Amino acid sequence: MSKIIRTEPNKVLAKAVEYHGFVYLQGCTAQDLAKDIQGQTAEVLAQIDAILETHGTDKTRLLQAQIWLKDIRDRETMNTLWSAWLPEGGAPARACVQANMADPRHLVEIMVTACK
């Protein structure tokens, strides 16, 4: 039976789950909720980099992304940082929607799946 690796699991979720060479990340949100959309997006992308590195992979191996924005009008600003962060030619399949956030101070949440 294949091993399932869970990173920092608690009663509700794990930061990531690795199985058969695939790494599924939690929805990442900023810790500093006083930041604007640029600041929160940069913080979330840095979190994603760190979690992927923990699992021996990186953003060049992204397969899918789901992005939730508190205000869809922030999409262009978020996309500027997102596009600069992605490796050239390495964009994953992606959805980006407006959503009510669990904490109204969260402006963006990003969840990705990568392979090793």
PDB file of N, CA and C in Angstrom:
ATOM      1  N   MET A   1       0.841  -1.179   0.000  1.00  0.00           N
ATOM      2  CA  MET A   1       0.000   0.000   0.000  1.00  0.00           C
ATOM      3  C   MET A   1       0.889   1.246   0.000  1.00  0.00           C
ATOM      4  N   SER A   2       0.554   2.237  -0.799  1.00  0.00           N
ATOM      5  CA  SER A   2       1.340   3.465  -0.888  1.00  0.00           C
ATOM      6  C   SER A   2       1.178   4.311   0.367  1.00  0.00           C
ATOM      7  N   LYS A   3       2.278   4.949   0.730  1.00  0.00           N
ATOM      8  CA  LYS A   3       2.301   5.779   1.921  1.00  0.00           C
ATOM      9  C   LYS A   3       1.678   7.143   1.631  1.00  0.00           C
ATOM     10  N   ILE A   4       0.888   7.652   2.582  1.00  0.00           N
ATOM     11  CA  ILE A   4       0.332   8.996   2.517  1.00  0.00           C
ATOM     12  C   ILE A   4       1.104   9.833   3.528  1.00  0.00           C
ATOM     13  N   ILE A   5       1.665  10.959   3.072  1.00  0.00           N
ATOM     14  CA  ILE A   5       2.427  11.847   3.946  1.00  0.00           C
ATOM     15  C   ILE A   5       1.608  13.114   4.167  1.00  0.00           C
ATOM     16  N   ARG A   6       1.350  13.419   5.429  1.00  0.00           N
ATOM     17  CA  ARG A   6       0.589  14.616   5.794  1.00  0.00           C
ATOM     18  C   ARG A   6       1.518  15.591   6.513  1.00  0.00           C
ATOM     19  N   THR A   7       1.555  16.829   6.059  1.00  0.00           N
ATOM     20  CA  THR A   7       2.400  17.852   6.656  1.00  0.00           C
ATOM     21  C   THR A   7       1.598  18.665   7.664  1.00  0.00           C
ATOM     22  N   GLU A   8       2.052  18.647   8.904  1.00  0.00           N
ATOM     23  CA  GLU A   8       1.448  19.410   9.999  1.00  0.00           C
ATOM     24  C   GLU A   8      -0.076  19.229  10.073  1.00  0.00           C
ATOM     25  N   PRO A   9      -0.546  17.999  10.160  1.00  0.00           N
ATOM     26  CA  PRO A   9      -2.000  17.797  10.248  1.00  0.00           C
ATOM     27  C   PRO A   9      -2.537  18.211  11.617  1.00  0.00           C
ATOM     28  N   ASN A  10      -3.794  18.667  11.613  1.00  0.00           N
ATOM     29  CA  ASN A  10      -4.507  18.904  12.862  1.00  0.00           C
ATOM     30  C   ASN A  10      -5.878  18.250  12.721  1.00  0.00           C
ATOM     31  N   LYS A  11      -6.803  18.584  13.560  1.00  0.00           N
ATOM     32  CA  LYS A  11      -8.119  17.938  13.512  1.00  0.00           C
ATOM     33  C   LYS A  11      -8.922  18.308  12.270  1.00  0.00           C
ATOM     34  N   VAL A  12      -8.568  19.413  11.620  1.00  0.00           N
ATOM     35  CA  VAL A  12      -9.356  19.920  10.498  1.00  0.00           C
ATOM     36  C   VAL A  12      -8.675  19.713   9.143  1.00  0.00           C
ATOM     37  N   LEU A  13      -7.354  19.925   9.081  1.00  0.00           N
ATOM     38  CA  LEU A  13      -6.655  19.871   7.791  1.00  0.00           C
ATOM     39  C   LEU A  13      -5.173  19.652   7.996  1.00  0.00           C
ATOM     40  N   ALA A  14      -4.483  19.411   6.903  1.00  0.00           N
ATOM     41  CA  ALA A  14      -3.022  19.354   6.868  1.00  0.00           C
ATOM     42  C   ALA A  14      -2.552  20.438   5.901  1.00  0.00           C
ATOM     43  N   LYS A  15      -1.337  20.945   6.119  1.00  0.00           N
ATOM     44  CA  LYS A  15      -0.807  21.943   5.183  1.00  0.00           C
ATOM     45  C   LYS A  15      -0.694  21.356   3.785  1.00  0.00           C
ATOM     46  N   ALA A  16      -0.353  20.077   3.728  1.00  0.00           N
ATOM     47  CA  ALA A  16      -0.239  19.386   2.440  1.00  0.00           C
ATOM     48  C   ALA A  16      -0.395  17.897   2.672  1.00  0.00           C
ATOM     49  N   VAL A  17      -0.806  17.220   1.602  1.00  0.00           N
ATOM     50  CA  VAL A  17      -0.891  15.764   1.611  1.00  0.00           C
ATOM     51  C   VAL A  17      -0.186  15.278   0.350  1.00  0.00           C
ATOM     52  N   GLU A  18       0.750  14.362   0.543  1.00  0.00           N
ATOM     53  CA  GLU A  18       1.494  13.795  -0.580  1.00  0.00           C
ATOM     54  C   GLU A  18       1.105  12.335  -0.748  1.00  0.00           C
ATOM     55  N   TYR A  19       0.823  11.952  -2.012  1.00  0.00           N
ATOM     56  CA  TYR A  19       0.435  10.581  -2.311  1.00  0.00           C
ATOM     57  C   TYR A  19       0.794  10.271  -3.757  1.00  0.00           C
ATOM     58  N   HIS A  20       1.479   9.180  -3.983  1.00  0.00           N
ATOM     59  CA  HIS A  20       1.865   8.729  -5.329  1.00  0.00           C
ATOM     60  C   HIS A  20       2.543   9.821  -6.148  1.00  0.00           C
ATOM     61  N   GLY A  21       3.385  10.638  -5.514  1.00  0.00           N
ATOM     62  CA  GLY A  21       4.111  11.670  -6.240  1.00  0.00           C
ATOM     63  C   GLY A  21       3.334  12.938  -6.504  1.00  0.00           C
ATOM     64  N   PHE A  22       2.123  13.027  -5.986  1.00  0.00           N
ATOM     65  CA  PHE A  22       1.329  14.244  -6.101  1.00  0.00           C
ATOM     66  C   PHE A  22       1.289  14.935  -4.745  1.00  0.00           C
ATOM     67  N   VAL A  23       1.343  16.257  -4.759  1.00  0.00           N
ATOM     68  CA  VAL A  23       1.298  17.042  -3.526  1.00  0.00           C
ATOM     69  C   VAL A  23       0.109  17.993  -3.621  1.00  0.00           C
ATOM     70  N   TYR A  24      -0.813  17.829  -2.681  1.00  0.00           N
ATOM     71  CA  TYR A  24      -2.049  18.615  -2.624  1.00  0.00           C
ATOM     72  C   TYR A  24      -1.910  19.599  -1.464  1.00  0.00           C
ATOM     73  N   LEU A  25      -1.906  20.891  -1.756  1.00  0.00           N
ATOM     74  CA  LEU A  25      -1.762  21.891  -0.706  1.00  0.00           C
ATOM     75  C   LEU A  25      -3.107  22.368  -0.196  1.00  0.00           C
ATOM     76  N   GLN A  26      -3.086  22.787   1.059  1.00  0.00           N
ATOM     77  CA  GLN A  26      -4.250  23.445   1.649  1.00  0.00           C
ATOM     78  C   GLN A  26      -4.485  24.774   0.931  1.00  0.00           C
ATOM     79  N   GLY A  27      -5.607  25.393   1.168  1.00  0.00           N
ATOM     80  CA  GLY A  27      -5.814  26.757   0.725  1.00  0.00           C
ATOM     81  C   GLY A  27      -4.944  27.654   1.586  1.00  0.00           C
ATOM     82  N   CYS A  28      -4.006  28.356   0.980  1.00  0.00           N
ATOM     83  CA  CYS A  28      -3.074  29.213   1.722  1.00  0.00           C
ATOM     84  C   CYS A  28      -3.597  30.642   1.768  1.00  0.00           C
ATOM     85  N   THR A  29      -3.556  31.228   2.952  1.00  0.00           N
ATOM     86  CA  THR A  29      -3.968  32.617   3.154  1.00  0.00           C
ATOM     87  C   THR A  29      -2.850  33.353   3.873  1.00  0.00           C
ATOM     88  N   ALA A  30      -2.877  34.666   3.785  1.00  0.00           N
ATOM     89  CA  ALA A  30      -1.867  35.494   4.440  1.00  0.00           C
ATOM     90  C   ALA A  30      -2.033  35.454   5.954  1.00  0.00           C
ATOM     91  N   GLN A  31      -0.919  35.585   6.648  1.00  0.00           N
ATOM     92  CA  GLN A  31      -0.942  35.695   8.105  1.00  0.00           C
ATOM     93  C   GLN A  31      -1.157  37.146   8.520  1.00  0.00           C
ATOM     94  N   ASP A  32      -0.551  38.081   7.766  1.00  0.00           N
ATOM     95  CA  ASP A  32      -0.678  39.508   8.069  1.00  0.00           C
ATOM     96  C   ASP A  32      -1.878  40.065   7.296  1.00  0.00           C
ATOM     97  N   LEU A  33      -3.001  40.129   7.975  1.00  0.00           N
ATOM     98  CA  LEU A  33      -4.243  40.537   7.315  1.00  0.00           C
ATOM     99  C   LEU A  33      -4.377  42.048   7.174  1.00  0.00           C
ATOM    100  N   ALA A  34      -3.381  42.783   7.637  1.00  0.00           N
ATOM    101  CA  ALA A  34      -3.382  44.231   7.441  1.00  0.00           C
ATOM    102  C   ALA A  34      -2.852  44.586   6.049  1.00  0.00           C
ATOM    103  N   LYS A  35      -2.232  43.611   5.376  1.00  0.00           N
ATOM    104  CA  LYS A  35      -1.678  43.861   4.040  1.00  0.00           C
ATOM    105  C   LYS A  35      -2.783  43.997   3.005  1.00  0.00           C
ATOM    106  N   ASP A  36      -2.463  44.727   1.913  1.00  0.00           N
ATOM    107  CA  ASP A  36      -3.381  44.863   0.788  1.00  0.00           C
ATOM    108  C   ASP A  36      -3.294  43.612  -0.086  1.00  0.00           C
ATOM    109  N   ILE A  37      -3.975  43.606  -1.215  1.00  0.00           N
ATOM    110  CA  ILE A  37      -4.006  42.428  -2.082  1.00  0.00           C
ATOM    111  C   ILE A  37      -2.608  42.061  -2.577  1.00  0.00           C
ATOM    112  N   GLN A  38      -1.775  43.041  -2.864  1.00  0.00           N
ATOM    113  CA  GLN A  38      -0.414  42.745  -3.300  1.00  0.00           C
ATOM    114  C   GLN A  38       0.371  42.055  -2.194  1.00  0.00           C
ATOM    115  N   GLY A  39       0.299  42.601  -1.000  1.00  0.00           N
ATOM    116  CA  GLY A  39       1.029  42.041   0.120  1.00  0.00           C
ATOM    117  C   GLY A  39       0.553  40.651   0.485  1.00  0.00           C
ATOM    118  N   GLN A  40      -0.781  40.466   0.505  1.00  0.00           N
ATOM    119  CA  GLN A  40      -1.312  39.142   0.836  1.00  0.00           C
ATOM    120  C   GLN A  40      -0.970  38.122  -0.237  1.00  0.00           C
ATOM    121  N   THR A  41      -1.060  38.512  -1.493  1.00  0.00           N
ATOM    122  CA  THR A  41      -0.729  37.579  -2.582  1.00  0.00           C
ATOM    123  C   THR A  41       0.733  37.173  -2.499  1.00  0.00           C
ATOM    124  N   ALA A  42       1.634  38.129  -2.288  1.00  0.00           N
ATOM    125  CA  ALA A  42       3.062  37.818  -2.181  1.00  0.00           C
ATOM    126  C   ALA A  42       3.316  36.859  -1.018  1.00  0.00           C
ATOM    127  N   GLU A  43       2.655  37.086   0.099  1.00  0.00           N
ATOM    128  CA  GLU A  43       2.824  36.213   1.261  1.00  0.00           C
ATOM    129  C   GLU A  43       2.321  34.794   0.968  1.00  0.00           C
ATOM    130  N   VAL A  44       1.181  34.695   0.308  1.00  0.00           N
ATOM    131  CA  VAL A  44       0.625  33.384  -0.025  1.00  0.00           C
ATOM    132  C   VAL A  44       1.539  32.630  -0.993  1.00  0.00           C
ATOM    133  N   LEU A  45       2.062  33.305  -1.991  1.00  0.00           N
ATOM    134  CA  LEU A  45       2.954  32.651  -2.950  1.00  0.00           C
ATOM    135  C   LEU A  45       4.235  32.166  -2.263  1.00  0.00           C
ATOM    136  N   ALA A  46       4.736  32.930  -1.316  1.00  0.00           N
ATOM    137  CA  ALA A  46       5.911  32.502  -0.549  1.00  0.00           C
ATOM    138  C   ALA A  46       5.584  31.260   0.291  1.00  0.00           C
ATOM    139  N   GLN A  47       4.393  31.205   0.873  1.00  0.00           N
ATOM    140  CA  GLN A  47       3.972  30.017   1.622  1.00  0.00           C
ATOM    141  C   GLN A  47       3.928  28.789   0.727  1.00  0.00           C
ATOM    142  N   ILE A  48       3.365  28.967  -0.461  1.00  0.00           N
ATOM    143  CA  ILE A  48       3.275  27.860  -1.410  1.00  0.00           C
ATOM    144  C   ILE A  48       4.672  27.350  -1.750  1.00  0.00           C
ATOM    145  N   ASP A  49       5.599  28.269  -2.032  1.00  0.00           N
ATOM    146  CA  ASP A  49       6.984  27.865  -2.316  1.00  0.00           C
ATOM    147  C   ASP A  49       7.549  27.028  -1.171  1.00  0.00           C
ATOM    148  N   ALA A  50       7.347  27.478   0.058  1.00  0.00           N
ATOM    149  CA  ALA A  50       7.906  26.786   1.222  1.00  0.00           C
ATOM    150  C   ALA A  50       7.301  25.394   1.408  1.00  0.00           C
ATOM    151  N   ILE A  51       5.993  25.285   1.253  1.00  0.00           N
ATOM    152  CA  ILE A  51       5.338  23.979   1.427  1.00  0.00           C
ATOM    153  C   ILE A  51       5.770  23.015   0.320  1.00  0.00           C
ATOM    154  N   LEU A  52       5.827  23.495  -0.908  1.00  0.00           N
ATOM    155  CA  LEU A  52       6.275  22.633  -2.005  1.00  0.00           C
ATOM    156  C   LEU A  52       7.711  22.162  -1.770  1.00  0.00           C
ATOM    157  N   GLU A  53       8.571  23.051  -1.304  1.00  0.00           N
ATOM    158  CA  GLU A  53       9.961  22.686  -1.034  1.00  0.00           C
ATOM    159  C   GLU A  53      10.038  21.595   0.036  1.00  0.00           C
ATOM    160  N   THR A  54       9.187  21.680   1.042  1.00  0.00           N
ATOM    161  CA  THR A  54       9.137  20.655   2.085  1.00  0.00           C
ATOM    162  C   THR A  54       8.886  19.276   1.489  1.00  0.00           C
ATOM    163  N   HIS A  55       8.143  19.237   0.394  1.00  0.00           N
ATOM    164  CA  HIS A  55       7.802  17.969  -0.256  1.00  0.00           C
ATOM    165  C   HIS A  55       8.703  17.650  -1.447  1.00  0.00           C
ATOM    166  N   GLY A  56       9.784  18.394  -1.598  1.00  0.00           N
ATOM    167  CA  GLY A  56      10.750  18.071  -2.641  1.00  0.00           C
ATOM    168  C   GLY A  56      10.305  18.425  -4.040  1.00  0.00           C
ATOM    169  N   THR A  57       9.475  19.450  -4.157  1.00  0.00           N
ATOM    170  CA  THR A  57       9.034  19.890  -5.477  1.00  0.00           C
ATOM    171  C   THR A  57       9.000  21.416  -5.492  1.00  0.00           C
ATOM    172  N   ASP A  58       8.531  21.995  -6.568  1.00  0.00           N
ATOM    173  CA  ASP A  58       8.458  23.453  -6.647  1.00  0.00           C
ATOM    174  C   ASP A  58       7.405  23.879  -7.673  1.00  0.00           C
ATOM    175  N   LYS A  59       7.308  25.185  -7.868  1.00  0.00           N
ATOM    176  CA  LYS A  59       6.255  25.735  -8.728  1.00  0.00           C
ATOM    177  C   LYS A  59       6.410  25.356 -10.202  1.00  0.00           C
ATOM    178  N   THR A  60       7.563  24.822 -10.602  1.00  0.00           N
ATOM    179  CA  THR A  60       7.710  24.363 -11.987  1.00  0.00           C
ATOM    180  C   THR A  60       6.922  23.083 -12.225  1.00  0.00           C
ATOM    181  N   ARG A  61       6.410  22.477 -11.161  1.00  0.00           N
ATOM    182  CA  ARG A  61       5.694  21.203 -11.251  1.00  0.00           C
ATOM    183  C   ARG A  61       4.202  21.367 -10.925  1.00  0.00           C
ATOM    184  N   LEU A  62       3.694  22.596 -10.971  1.00  0.00           N
ATOM    185  CA  LEU A  62       2.272  22.833 -10.686  1.00  0.00           C
ATOM    186  C   LEU A  62       1.390  22.209 -11.755  1.00  0.00           C
ATOM    187  N   LEU A  63       0.307  21.605 -11.303  1.00  0.00           N
ATOM    188  CA  LEU A  63      -0.674  21.019 -12.211  1.00  0.00           C
ATOM    189  C   LEU A  63      -1.976  21.808 -12.220  1.00  0.00           C
ATOM    190  N   GLN A  64      -2.391  22.251 -11.041  1.00  0.00           N
ATOM    191  CA  GLN A  64      -3.699  22.895 -10.916  1.00  0.00           C
ATOM    192  C   GLN A  64      -3.644  23.952  -9.822  1.00  0.00           C
ATOM    193  N   ALA A  65      -4.440  25.006  -9.983  1.00  0.00           N
ATOM    194  CA  ALA A  65      -4.567  26.043  -8.950  1.00  0.00           C
ATOM    195  C   ALA A  65      -6.017  26.484  -8.858  1.00  0.00           C
ATOM    196  N   GLN A  66      -6.421  26.738  -7.644  1.00  0.00           N
ATOM    197  CA  GLN A  66      -7.737  27.316  -7.380  1.00  0.00           C
ATOM    198  C   GLN A  66      -7.499  28.580  -6.569  1.00  0.00           C
ATOM    199  N   ILE A  67      -8.058  29.679  -7.028  1.00  0.00           N
ATOM    200  CA  ILE A  67      -7.840  30.973  -6.381  1.00  0.00           C
ATOM    201  C   ILE A  67      -9.184  31.587  -6.033  1.00  0.00           C
ATOM    202  N   TRP A  68      -9.291  32.025  -4.784  1.00  0.00           N
ATOM    203  CA  TRP A  68     -10.488  32.718  -4.318  1.00  0.00           C
ATOM    204  C   TRP A  68     -10.090  34.135  -3.946  1.00  0.00           C
ATOM    205  N   LEU A  69     -10.830  35.093  -4.454  1.00  0.00           N
ATOM    206  CA  LEU A  69     -10.613  36.505  -4.137  1.00  0.00           C
ATOM    207  C   LEU A  69     -11.836  37.050  -3.409  1.00  0.00           C
ATOM    208  N   LYS A  70     -11.590  37.858  -2.405  1.00  0.00           N
ATOM    209  CA  LYS A  70     -12.702  38.502  -1.716  1.00  0.00           C
ATOM    210  C   LYS A  70     -13.437  39.417  -2.697  1.00  0.00           C
ATOM    211  N   ASP A  71     -12.669  40.101  -3.543  1.00  0.00           N
ATOM    212  CA  ASP A  71     -13.232  41.026  -4.523  1.00  0.00           C
ATOM    213  C   ASP A  71     -12.609  40.722  -5.887  1.00  0.00           C
ATOM    214  N   ILE A  72     -13.411  40.275  -6.823  1.00  0.00           N
ATOM    215  CA  ILE A  72     -12.906  39.874  -8.141  1.00  0.00           C
ATOM    216  C   ILE A  72     -12.222  41.037  -8.864  1.00  0.00           C
ATOM    217  N   ARG A  73     -12.509  42.260  -8.440  1.00  0.00           N
ATOM    218  CA  ARG A  73     -11.833  43.416  -9.042  1.00  0.00           C
ATOM    219  C   ARG A  73     -10.340  43.434  -8.714  1.00  0.00           C
ATOM    220  N   ASP A  74      -9.909  42.620  -7.743  1.00  0.00           N
ATOM    221  CA  ASP A  74      -8.487  42.497  -7.408  1.00  0.00           C
ATOM    222  C   ASP A  74      -7.768  41.494  -8.315  1.00  0.00           C
ATOM    223  N   ARG A  75      -8.501  40.894  -9.236  1.00  0.00           N
ATOM    224  CA  ARG A  75      -7.936  39.840 -10.088  1.00  0.00           C
ATOM    225  C   ARG A  75      -6.722  40.324 -10.883  1.00  0.00           C
ATOM    226  N   GLU A  76      -6.809  41.499 -11.471  1.00  0.00           N
ATOM    227  CA  GLU A  76      -5.702  41.996 -12.288  1.00  0.00           C
ATOM    228  C   GLU A  76      -4.447  42.210 -11.439  1.00  0.00           C
ATOM    229  N   THR A  77      -4.598  42.786 -10.271  1.00  0.00           N
ATOM    230  CA  THR A  77      -3.451  42.991  -9.375  1.00  0.00           C
ATOM    231  C   THR A  77      -2.860  41.658  -8.948  1.00  0.00           C
ATOM    232  N   MET A  78      -3.719  40.725  -8.537  1.00  0.00           N
ATOM    233  CA  MET A  78      -3.251  39.404  -8.133  1.00  0.00           C
ATOM    234  C   MET A  78      -2.567  38.710  -9.308  1.00  0.00           C
ATOM    235  N   ASN A  79      -3.152  38.795 -10.506  1.00  0.00           N
ATOM    236  CA  ASN A  79      -2.581  38.146 -11.694  1.00  0.00           C
ATOM    237  C   ASN A  79      -1.192  38.685 -12.033  1.00  0.00           C
ATOM    238  N   THR A  80      -0.942  39.951 -11.760  1.00  0.00           N
ATOM    239  CA  THR A  80       0.377  40.530 -12.027  1.00  0.00           C
ATOM    240  C   THR A  80       1.436  39.814 -11.200  1.00  0.00           C
ATOM    241  N   LEU A  81       1.162  39.616  -9.918  1.00  0.00           N
ATOM    242  CA  LEU A  81       2.105  38.909  -9.044  1.00  0.00           C
ATOM    243  C   LEU A  81       2.162  37.431  -9.401  1.00  0.00           C
ATOM    244  N   TRP A  82       1.004  36.831  -9.655  1.00  0.00           N
ATOM    245  CA  TRP A  82       0.916  35.410 -10.003  1.00  0.00           C
ATOM    246  C   TRP A  82       1.747  35.127 -11.254  1.00  0.00           C
ATOM    247  N   SER A  83       1.560  35.938 -12.299  1.00  0.00           N
ATOM    248  CA  SER A  83       2.268  35.723 -13.565  1.00  0.00           C
ATOM    249  C   SER A  83       3.768  35.892 -13.412  1.00  0.00           C
ATOM    250  N   ALA A  84       4.197  36.858 -12.610  1.00  0.00           N
ATOM    251  CA  ALA A  84       5.622  37.078 -12.372  1.00  0.00           C
ATOM    252  C   ALA A  84       6.226  35.922 -11.570  1.00  0.00           C
ATOM    253  N   TRP A  85       5.424  35.303 -10.703  1.00  0.00           N
ATOM    254  CA  TRP A  85       5.877  34.199  -9.850  1.00  0.00           C
ATOM    255  C   TRP A  85       6.004  32.891 -10.631  1.00  0.00           C
ATOM    256  N   LEU A  86       5.116  32.671 -11.584  1.00  0.00           N
ATOM    257  CA  LEU A  86       5.130  31.421 -12.347  1.00  0.00           C
ATOM    258  C   LEU A  86       6.355  31.331 -13.247  1.00  0.00           C
ATOM    259  N   PRO A  87       6.895  30.120 -13.412  1.00  0.00           N
ATOM    260  CA  PRO A  87       7.968  29.951 -14.393  1.00  0.00           C
ATOM    261  C   PRO A  87       7.397  30.132 -15.805  1.00  0.00           C
ATOM    262  N   GLU A  88       8.211  30.634 -16.713  1.00  0.00           N
ATOM    263  CA  GLU A  88       7.748  30.847 -18.082  1.00  0.00           C
ATOM    264  C   GLU A  88       7.269  29.533 -18.693  1.00  0.00           C
ATOM    265  N   GLY A  89       6.060  29.553 -19.242  1.00  0.00           N
ATOM    266  CA  GLY A  89       5.478  28.367 -19.859  1.00  0.00           C
ATOM    267  C   GLY A  89       4.975  27.344 -18.862  1.00  0.00           C
ATOM    268  N   GLY A  90       4.931  27.695 -17.567  1.00  0.00           N
ATOM    269  CA  GLY A  90       4.570  26.731 -16.539  1.00  0.00           C
ATOM    270  C   GLY A  90       3.248  26.985 -15.845  1.00  0.00           C
ATOM    271  N   ALA A  91       2.337  27.674 -16.501  1.00  0.00           N
ATOM    272  CA  ALA A  91       1.047  27.954 -15.871  1.00  0.00           C
ATOM    273  C   ALA A  91       0.227  26.674 -15.706  1.00  0.00           C
ATOM    274  N   PRO A  92      -0.378  26.481 -14.532  1.00  0.00           N
ATOM    275  CA  PRO A  92      -1.221  25.304 -14.312  1.00  0.00           C
ATOM    276  C   PRO A  92      -2.633  25.534 -14.831  1.00  0.00           C
ATOM    277  N   ALA A  93      -3.435  24.488 -14.872  1.00  0.00           N
ATOM    278  CA  ALA A  93      -4.870  24.661 -15.080  1.00  0.00           C
ATOM    279  C   ALA A  93      -5.351  25.455 -13.865  1.00  0.00           C
ATOM    280  N   ARG A  94      -6.280  26.397 -14.060  1.00  0.00           N
ATOM    281  CA  ARG A  94      -6.604  27.302 -12.965  1.00  0.00           C
ATOM    282  C   ARG A  94      -8.034  27.785 -13.009  1.00  0.00           C
ATOM    283  N   ALA A  95      -8.574  28.024 -11.815  1.00  0.00           N
ATOM    284  CA  ALA A  95      -9.854  28.714 -11.658  1.00  0.00           C
ATOM    285  C   ALA A  95      -9.615  29.881 -10.717  1.00  0.00           C
ATOM    286  N   CYS A  96     -10.317  30.975 -10.941  1.00  0.00           N
ATOM    287  CA  CYS A  96     -10.214  32.150 -10.073  1.00  0.00           C
ATOM    288  C   CYS A  96     -11.612  32.738  -9.942  1.00  0.00           C
ATOM    289  N   VAL A  97     -12.111  32.772  -8.710  1.00  0.00           N
ATOM    290  CA  VAL A  97     -13.474  33.246  -8.481  1.00  0.00           C
ATOM    291  C   VAL A  97     -13.535  34.176  -7.278  1.00  0.00           C
ATOM    292  N   GLN A  98     -14.595  34.926  -7.213  1.00  0.00           N
ATOM    293  CA  GLN A  98     -14.885  35.744  -6.038  1.00  0.00           C
ATOM    294  C   GLN A  98     -15.606  34.874  -5.023  1.00  0.00           C
ATOM    295  N   ALA A  99     -15.268  35.070  -3.732  1.00  0.00           N
ATOM    296  CA  ALA A  99     -15.876  34.243  -2.698  1.00  0.00           C
ATOM    297  C   ALA A  99     -15.967  35.002  -1.378  1.00  0.00           C
ATOM    298  N   ASN A 100     -16.950  34.633  -0.582  1.00  0.00           N
ATOM    299  CA  ASN A 100     -16.991  35.106   0.792  1.00  0.00           C
ATOM    300  C   ASN A 100     -15.909  34.365   1.548  1.00  0.00           C
ATOM    301  N   MET A 101     -15.046  35.093   2.222  1.00  0.00           N
ATOM    302  CA  MET A 101     -13.925  34.482   2.927  1.00  0.00           C
ATOM    303  C   MET A 101     -14.323  34.185   4.374  1.00  0.00           C
ATOM    304  N   ALA A 102     -13.665  33.190   4.971  1.00  0.00           N
ATOM    305  CA  ALA A 102     -13.940  32.811   6.357  1.00  0.00           C
ATOM    306  C   ALA A 102     -13.686  33.986   7.300  1.00  0.00           C
ATOM    307  N   ASP A 103     -12.648  34.758   7.020  1.00  0.00           N
ATOM    308  CA  ASP A 103     -12.355  35.989   7.751  1.00  0.00           C
ATOM    309  C   ASP A 103     -12.407  37.105   6.706  1.00  0.00           C
ATOM    310  N   PRO A 104     -13.234  38.108   6.896  1.00  0.00           N
ATOM    311  CA  PRO A 104     -13.377  39.145   5.869  1.00  0.00           C
ATOM    312  C   PRO A 104     -12.100  39.940   5.587  1.00  0.00           C
ATOM    313  N   ARG A 105     -11.087  39.795   6.431  1.00  0.00           N
ATOM    314  CA  ARG A 105      -9.813  40.483   6.183  1.00  0.00           C
ATOM    315  C   ARG A 105      -8.948  39.721   5.182  1.00  0.00           C
ATOM    316  N   HIS A 106      -9.268  38.437   4.936  1.00  0.00           N
ATOM    317  CA  HIS A 106      -8.545  37.685   3.910  1.00  0.00           C
ATOM    318  C   HIS A 106      -8.980  38.204   2.547  1.00  0.00           C
ATOM    319  N   LEU A 107      -8.027  38.547   1.724  1.00  0.00           N
ATOM    320  CA  LEU A 107      -8.320  39.074   0.391  1.00  0.00           C
ATOM    321  C   LEU A 107      -8.104  38.035  -0.702  1.00  0.00           C
ATOM    322  N   VAL A 108      -7.276  37.010  -0.415  1.00  0.00           N
ATOM    323  CA  VAL A 108      -6.957  35.982  -1.411  1.00  0.00           C
ATOM    324  C   VAL A 108      -6.637  34.679  -0.699  1.00  0.00           C
ATOM    325  N   GLU A 109      -7.040  33.586  -1.327  1.00  0.00           N
ATOM    326  CA  GLU A 109      -6.693  32.241  -0.868  1.00  0.00           C
ATOM    327  C   GLU A 109      -6.329  31.442  -2.112  1.00  0.00           C
ATOM    328  N   ILE A 110      -5.200  30.735  -2.043  1.00  0.00           N
ATOM    329  CA  ILE A 110      -4.739  29.958  -3.194  1.00  0.00           C
ATOM    330  C   ILE A 110      -4.447  28.531  -2.764  1.00  0.00           C
ATOM    331  N   MET A 111      -4.932  27.593  -3.562  1.00  0.00           N
ATOM    332  CA  MET A 111      -4.732  26.162  -3.314  1.00  0.00           C
ATOM    333  C   MET A 111      -4.157  25.564  -4.593  1.00  0.00           C
ATOM    334  N   VAL A 112      -3.061  24.813  -4.464  1.00  0.00           N
ATOM    335  CA  VAL A 112      -2.445  24.217  -5.657  1.00  0.00           C
ATOM    336  C   VAL A 112      -2.225  22.720  -5.474  1.00  0.00           C
ATOM    337  N   THR A 113      -2.087  22.057  -6.609  1.00  0.00           N
ATOM    338  CA  THR A 113      -1.665  20.663  -6.667  1.00  0.00           C
ATOM    339  C   THR A 113      -0.426  20.623  -7.559  1.00  0.00           C
ATOM    340  N   ALA A 114       0.581  19.888  -7.103  1.00  0.00           N
ATOM    341  CA  ALA A 114       1.814  19.741  -7.870  1.00  0.00           C
ATOM    342  C   ALA A 114       2.214  18.271  -7.902  1.00  0.00           C
ATOM    343  N   CYS A 115       3.140  17.956  -8.771  1.00  0.00           N
ATOM    344  CA  CYS A 115       3.721  16.604  -8.771  1.00  0.00           C
ATOM    345  C   CYS A 115       5.200  16.734  -8.458  1.00  0.00           C
ATOM    346  N   LYS A 116       5.791  15.602  -8.154  1.00  0.00           N
ATOM    347  CA  LYS A 116       7.226  15.604  -7.816  1.00  0.00           C
ATOM    348  C   LYS A 116       8.060  15.345  -9.050  1.00  0.00           C
TER     349      LYS A 116
END
